[in-house]
Each structure stands twice: as structure tokens, then as C-alpha cells.
């Protein structure tokens, strides 16, 4: 739409309050998603606010790049993050260049997973499955999740949506 919508801290707080005010049951779980939420300038402040407001489980849908940085995972946990929905398309580095346009992405994700482990966070692996491209990775992703069971809390397989960077 030729513009970027990035809500302010105040707008996000208002959205969170609307969720907490839900009836008959107040919202207690929130997932930050849409684009890359870790890039928001108030990321840690938003996590802290969600916890102060009584959310019992705070999640983040992410590509994981920021979590590979020194102390980002630890700071996120300290601010109240519990689980990452980590974009994870397979265990073959060549796939990431084809699907995401970046050669070293698997290496970065592995570094992020180690930082996430050290911080004591959990991961739901979220592979986007593209028929004929990475559907052979499904059993390998399951095995990877089992091999990293100390940080794994699930896998959420999703089919490709023909939008954005992927139009064929």
C-alpha cells in the first residue's frame, strides 16, 4: 500500500489492553508478529509492558536474525519473552538462498538457536513448505526439532502463500 504501519508504544499498549479487556475471558497470551517485531525501537519496553499487564505467555514470530546478536535473546527473556515462532525452512543452507534470498541464513539461525538455548527460551519451528523445493525437508525438520528438544516446543508447518517475495 506504499506505506509502513508501525504502531507506537502507546498504540501497542492500547491494543494489549483491548486484548486483556476481552470478556468473558481476558486475553492472556499474545504473539507479536507482522514484518519483524524485533526491529521495533521499543521491543524490550513492549515485552515488559505485556508482562506487567498480566499476559502469562508472550510469543514472537521472527526470522531470528536479532536473536543471533550478543545478549538480544537474554534481554528479551529478561523483558518477558517466552517463545519464538522461528522461521525455519529446513536444514539445507542452499534452501535459504532460494527461499529467502540469503546464503548464510542457516548459519545465523543456528547461532540464534544457541543464544536462545542459553537464554532459556523456547522455540516453535515454523517452516514454510514450498512443493518441490523444500518438502523433502519435512522429516529433517522433525529430526532437527527432536535433536534440539531442550529448546523445541513444537513445529508449525505452513504452506507457502504466493505473495510478497514469492510470486510463483
C-alpha atoms as a PDB file:
ATOM      1  CA  UNK A   1       0.000   0.000   0.000  1.00  0.00           C
ATOM      2  CA  UNK A   2       3.072   2.213  -0.299  1.00  0.00           C
ATOM      3  CA  UNK A   3       3.311   2.950   3.409  1.00  0.00           C
ATOM      4  CA  UNK A   4       4.594   1.185   6.504  1.00  0.00           C
ATOM      5  CA  UNK A   5       2.376   0.887   9.543  1.00  0.00           C
ATOM      6  CA  UNK A   6       4.492   0.762  12.659  1.00  0.00           C
ATOM      7  CA  UNK A   7       2.361   1.362  15.739  1.00  0.00           C
ATOM      8  CA  UNK A   8       3.814   3.446  18.543  1.00  0.00           C
ATOM      9  CA  UNK A   9       4.432   2.073  22.016  1.00  0.00           C
ATOM     10  CA  UNK A  10       1.231   3.807  23.145  1.00  0.00           C
ATOM     11  CA  UNK A  11      -0.810   2.254  20.324  1.00  0.00           C
ATOM     12  CA  UNK A  12       0.577  -1.193  21.107  1.00  0.00           C
ATOM     13  CA  UNK A  13      -0.223  -0.721  24.789  1.00  0.00           C
ATOM     14  CA  UNK A  14      -3.785   0.197  23.819  1.00  0.00           C
ATOM     15  CA  UNK A  15      -4.055  -2.945  21.652  1.00  0.00           C
ATOM     16  CA  UNK A  16      -2.742  -5.076  24.505  1.00  0.00           C
ATOM     17  CA  UNK A  17      -5.244  -3.523  26.893  1.00  0.00           C
ATOM     18  CA  UNK A  18      -8.075  -4.285  24.467  1.00  0.00           C
ATOM     19  CA  UNK A  19      -6.988  -7.923  24.472  1.00  0.00           C
ATOM     20  CA  UNK A  20      -6.739  -8.019  28.278  1.00  0.00           C
ATOM     21  CA  UNK A  21     -10.229  -6.482  28.493  1.00  0.00           C
ATOM     22  CA  UNK A  22     -11.746  -9.315  26.436  1.00  0.00           C
ATOM     23  CA  UNK A  23     -14.761 -10.966  28.051  1.00  0.00           C
ATOM     24  CA  UNK A  24     -15.835 -13.446  29.239  1.00  0.00           C
ATOM     25  CA  UNK A  25     -12.143 -14.425  29.410  1.00  0.00           C
ATOM     26  CA  UNK A  26      -9.369 -11.863  29.422  1.00  0.00           C
ATOM     27  CA  UNK A  27      -6.679 -12.409  26.806  1.00  0.00           C
ATOM     28  CA  UNK A  28      -3.662 -13.995  28.464  1.00  0.00           C
ATOM     29  CA  UNK A  29      -1.442 -14.974  25.514  1.00  0.00           C
ATOM     30  CA  UNK A  30      -0.023 -12.584  22.934  1.00  0.00           C
ATOM     31  CA  UNK A  31       2.152 -13.121  19.906  1.00  0.00           C
ATOM     32  CA  UNK A  32       3.985 -10.219  18.324  1.00  0.00           C
ATOM     33  CA  UNK A  33       4.181 -10.701  14.561  1.00  0.00           C
ATOM     34  CA  UNK A  34       3.875  -8.906  11.271  1.00  0.00           C
ATOM     35  CA  UNK A  35       7.025  -7.994   9.487  1.00  0.00           C
ATOM     36  CA  UNK A  36       9.807  -8.416  12.040  1.00  0.00           C
ATOM     37  CA  UNK A  37       8.650  -7.292  15.510  1.00  0.00           C
ATOM     38  CA  UNK A  38      12.167  -7.374  16.976  1.00  0.00           C
ATOM     39  CA  UNK A  39      13.022  -4.339  14.851  1.00  0.00           C
ATOM     40  CA  UNK A  40      10.550  -2.137  16.705  1.00  0.00           C
ATOM     41  CA  UNK A  41      12.531   0.566  18.531  1.00  0.00           C
ATOM     42  CA  UNK A  42      10.616  -0.193  21.765  1.00  0.00           C
ATOM     43  CA  UNK A  43      10.927  -4.001  21.559  1.00  0.00           C
ATOM     44  CA  UNK A  44      12.123  -4.605  25.133  1.00  0.00           C
ATOM     45  CA  UNK A  45       9.753  -1.994  26.549  1.00  0.00           C
ATOM     46  CA  UNK A  46       6.818  -3.668  24.755  1.00  0.00           C
ATOM     47  CA  UNK A  47       7.728  -7.079  26.190  1.00  0.00           C
ATOM     48  CA  UNK A  48       7.992  -5.611  29.668  1.00  0.00           C
ATOM     49  CA  UNK A  49       4.631  -3.883  29.310  1.00  0.00           C
ATOM     50  CA  UNK A  50       2.913  -7.086  28.144  1.00  0.00           C
ATOM     51  CA  UNK A  51       4.146  -8.872  31.248  1.00  0.00           C
ATOM     52  CA  UNK A  52       3.184  -6.001  33.548  1.00  0.00           C
ATOM     53  CA  UNK A  53      -0.314  -6.171  32.057  1.00  0.00           C
ATOM     54  CA  UNK A  54      -0.659  -9.808  33.089  1.00  0.00           C
ATOM     55  CA  UNK A  55      -0.045 -11.746  29.895  1.00  0.00           C
ATOM     56  CA  UNK A  56       1.022 -15.193  31.012  1.00  0.00           C
ATOM     57  CA  UNK A  57       2.681 -16.157  27.745  1.00  0.00           C
ATOM     58  CA  UNK A  58       4.435 -13.770  25.356  1.00  0.00           C
ATOM     59  CA  UNK A  59       5.481 -15.022  21.933  1.00  0.00           C
ATOM     60  CA  UNK A  60       7.278 -13.567  18.930  1.00  0.00           C
ATOM     61  CA  UNK A  61       7.079 -14.600  15.260  1.00  0.00           C
ATOM     62  CA  UNK A  62      10.570 -13.912  13.972  1.00  0.00           C
ATOM     63  CA  UNK A  63      13.191 -14.645  11.362  1.00  0.00           C
ATOM     64  CA  UNK A  64      15.627 -14.966  14.277  1.00  0.00           C
ATOM     65  CA  UNK A  65      18.311 -12.606  12.997  1.00  0.00           C
ATOM     66  CA  UNK A  66      18.299 -10.307  16.031  1.00  0.00           C
ATOM     67  CA  UNK A  67      18.482 -13.329  18.339  1.00  0.00           C
ATOM     68  CA  UNK A  68      21.876 -14.211  16.864  1.00  0.00           C
ATOM     69  CA  UNK A  69      23.222 -10.932  18.239  1.00  0.00           C
ATOM     70  CA  UNK A  70      25.028 -10.894  21.558  1.00  0.00           C
ATOM     71  CA  UNK A  71      22.643 -10.633  24.542  1.00  0.00           C
ATOM     72  CA  UNK A  72      19.471  -9.987  22.465  1.00  0.00           C
ATOM     73  CA  UNK A  73      17.882 -13.310  23.461  1.00  0.00           C
ATOM     74  CA  UNK A  74      18.841 -12.821  27.109  1.00  0.00           C
ATOM     75  CA  UNK A  75      17.485  -9.265  27.183  1.00  0.00           C
ATOM     76  CA  UNK A  76      14.273 -10.445  25.510  1.00  0.00           C
ATOM     77  CA  UNK A  77      13.810 -13.172  28.125  1.00  0.00           C
ATOM     78  CA  UNK A  78      14.501 -10.711  30.940  1.00  0.00           C
ATOM     79  CA  UNK A  79      11.882  -8.369  29.439  1.00  0.00           C
ATOM     80  CA  UNK A  80       9.342 -11.205  29.416  1.00  0.00           C
ATOM     81  CA  UNK A  81       9.555 -13.153  26.149  1.00  0.00           C
ATOM     82  CA  UNK A  82       8.751 -16.875  26.473  1.00  0.00           C
ATOM     83  CA  UNK A  83       8.617 -18.437  22.999  1.00  0.00           C
ATOM     84  CA  UNK A  84       9.845 -17.734  19.490  1.00  0.00           C
ATOM     85  CA  UNK A  85       7.931 -18.809  16.397  1.00  0.00           C
ATOM     86  CA  UNK A  86      11.141 -19.153  14.394  1.00  0.00           C
ATOM     87  CA  UNK A  87      11.086 -19.092  10.599  1.00  0.00           C
ATOM     88  CA  UNK A  88      12.917 -22.351   9.783  1.00  0.00           C
ATOM     89  CA  UNK A  89      12.616 -23.730   6.253  1.00  0.00           C
ATOM     90  CA  UNK A  90      14.989 -26.670   6.537  1.00  0.00           C
ATOM     91  CA  UNK A  91      18.491 -27.831   7.327  1.00  0.00           C
ATOM     92  CA  UNK A  92      19.990 -27.243   3.858  1.00  0.00           C
ATOM     93  CA  UNK A  93      21.758 -23.870   3.587  1.00  0.00           C
ATOM     94  CA  UNK A  94      21.051 -23.650  -0.171  1.00  0.00           C
ATOM     95  CA  UNK A  95      17.310 -23.529   0.521  1.00  0.00           C
ATOM     96  CA  UNK A  96      17.579 -20.237   2.349  1.00  0.00           C
ATOM     97  CA  UNK A  97      19.151 -18.552  -0.647  1.00  0.00           C
ATOM     98  CA  UNK A  98      16.360 -19.879  -2.900  1.00  0.00           C
ATOM     99  CA  UNK A  99      13.501 -19.141  -0.495  1.00  0.00           C
ATOM    100  CA  UNK A 100      14.765 -16.148   1.495  1.00  0.00           C
ATOM    101  CA  UNK A 101      17.496 -14.727  -0.761  1.00  0.00           C
ATOM    102  CA  UNK A 102      20.325 -15.063   1.740  1.00  0.00           C
ATOM    103  CA  UNK A 103      23.176 -17.628   1.663  1.00  0.00           C
ATOM    104  CA  UNK A 104      24.296 -17.585   5.292  1.00  0.00           C
ATOM    105  CA  UNK A 105      20.826 -17.658   6.847  1.00  0.00           C
ATOM    106  CA  UNK A 106      21.044 -21.205   8.230  1.00  0.00           C
ATOM    107  CA  UNK A 107      24.331 -20.340   9.969  1.00  0.00           C
ATOM    108  CA  UNK A 108      22.737 -17.261  11.500  1.00  0.00           C
ATOM    109  CA  UNK A 109      19.720 -19.301  12.634  1.00  0.00           C
ATOM    110  CA  UNK A 110      21.998 -21.897  14.259  1.00  0.00           C
ATOM    111  CA  UNK A 111      23.777 -19.130  16.138  1.00  0.00           C
ATOM    112  CA  UNK A 112      20.399 -17.715  17.189  1.00  0.00           C
ATOM    113  CA  UNK A 113      19.230 -21.137  18.389  1.00  0.00           C
ATOM    114  CA  UNK A 114      22.305 -21.404  20.598  1.00  0.00           C
ATOM    115  CA  UNK A 115      21.705 -17.927  22.052  1.00  0.00           C
ATOM    116  CA  UNK A 116      18.031 -18.817  22.593  1.00  0.00           C
ATOM    117  CA  UNK A 117      19.102 -22.007  24.382  1.00  0.00           C
ATOM    118  CA  UNK A 118      21.494 -20.058  26.615  1.00  0.00           C
ATOM    119  CA  UNK A 119      18.733 -17.577  27.462  1.00  0.00           C
ATOM    120  CA  UNK A 120      16.298 -20.331  28.444  1.00  0.00           C
ATOM    121  CA  UNK A 121      13.668 -19.518  25.826  1.00  0.00           C
ATOM    122  CA  UNK A 122      11.591 -21.983  23.782  1.00  0.00           C
ATOM    123  CA  UNK A 123      11.197 -22.311  20.012  1.00  0.00           C
ATOM    124  CA  UNK A 124       8.366 -23.363  17.749  1.00  0.00           C
ATOM    125  CA  UNK A 125       9.989 -24.026  14.375  1.00  0.00           C
ATOM    126  CA  UNK A 126       7.904 -22.547  11.543  1.00  0.00           C
ATOM    127  CA  UNK A 127       8.844 -23.883   8.121  1.00  0.00           C
ATOM    128  CA  UNK A 128       7.197 -22.500   5.012  1.00  0.00           C
ATOM    129  CA  UNK A 129       6.807 -25.535   2.781  1.00  0.00           C
ATOM    130  CA  UNK A 130       7.146 -24.999  -0.965  1.00  0.00           C
ATOM    131  CA  UNK A 131       6.216 -28.071  -3.020  1.00  0.00           C
ATOM    132  CA  UNK A 132       9.168 -29.364  -4.996  1.00  0.00           C
ATOM    133  CA  UNK A 133      11.576 -27.015  -3.228  1.00  0.00           C
ATOM    134  CA  UNK A 134      11.745 -27.960   0.439  1.00  0.00           C
ATOM    135  CA  UNK A 135       9.021 -30.537   1.009  1.00  0.00           C
ATOM    136  CA  UNK A 136      11.828 -33.108   1.308  1.00  0.00           C
ATOM    137  CA  UNK A 137      12.953 -31.205   4.404  1.00  0.00           C
ATOM    138  CA  UNK A 138       9.863 -32.128   6.468  1.00  0.00           C
ATOM    139  CA  UNK A 139      11.382 -35.270   8.078  1.00  0.00           C
ATOM    140  CA  UNK A 140      14.710 -33.479   8.505  1.00  0.00           C
ATOM    141  CA  UNK A 141      12.999 -30.589  10.301  1.00  0.00           C
ATOM    142  CA  UNK A 142      11.202 -33.040  12.595  1.00  0.00           C
ATOM    143  CA  UNK A 143      14.537 -34.716  13.357  1.00  0.00           C
ATOM    144  CA  UNK A 144      16.170 -31.329  13.966  1.00  0.00           C
ATOM    145  CA  UNK A 145      13.401 -30.398  16.406  1.00  0.00           C
ATOM    146  CA  UNK A 146      13.955 -33.696  18.227  1.00  0.00           C
ATOM    147  CA  UNK A 147      17.719 -33.107  18.265  1.00  0.00           C
ATOM    148  CA  UNK A 148      17.109 -29.687  19.845  1.00  0.00           C
ATOM    149  CA  UNK A 149      14.323 -30.881  22.153  1.00  0.00           C
ATOM    150  CA  UNK A 150      15.742 -28.842  25.035  1.00  0.00           C
ATOM    151  CA  UNK A 151      14.576 -25.678  23.248  1.00  0.00           C
ATOM    152  CA  UNK A 152      11.865 -27.120  20.988  1.00  0.00           C
ATOM    153  CA  UNK A 153       8.234 -26.754  21.915  1.00  0.00           C
ATOM    154  CA  UNK A 154       6.764 -27.590  18.520  1.00  0.00           C
ATOM    155  CA  UNK A 155       6.713 -27.277  14.750  1.00  0.00           C
ATOM    156  CA  UNK A 156       4.120 -25.284  12.840  1.00  0.00           C
ATOM    157  CA  UNK A 157       4.275 -26.329   9.189  1.00  0.00           C
ATOM    158  CA  UNK A 158       2.712 -23.780   6.868  1.00  0.00           C
ATOM    159  CA  UNK A 159       2.196 -23.904   3.114  1.00  0.00           C
ATOM    160  CA  UNK A 160       3.699 -21.151   1.015  1.00  0.00           C
ATOM    161  CA  UNK A 161       1.491 -18.124   0.334  1.00  0.00           C
ATOM    162  CA  UNK A 162       2.054 -16.745  -3.150  1.00  0.00           C
ATOM    163  CA  UNK A 163       2.589 -13.153  -2.033  1.00  0.00           C
ATOM    164  CA  UNK A 164       5.475 -10.815  -1.368  1.00  0.00           C
ATOM    165  CA  UNK A 165       8.856 -12.188  -2.452  1.00  0.00           C
ATOM    166  CA  UNK A 166       7.350 -15.495  -3.572  1.00  0.00           C
ATOM    167  CA  UNK A 167       5.024 -14.935  -6.529  1.00  0.00           C
ATOM    168  CA  UNK A 168       5.423 -18.223  -8.446  1.00  0.00           C
END
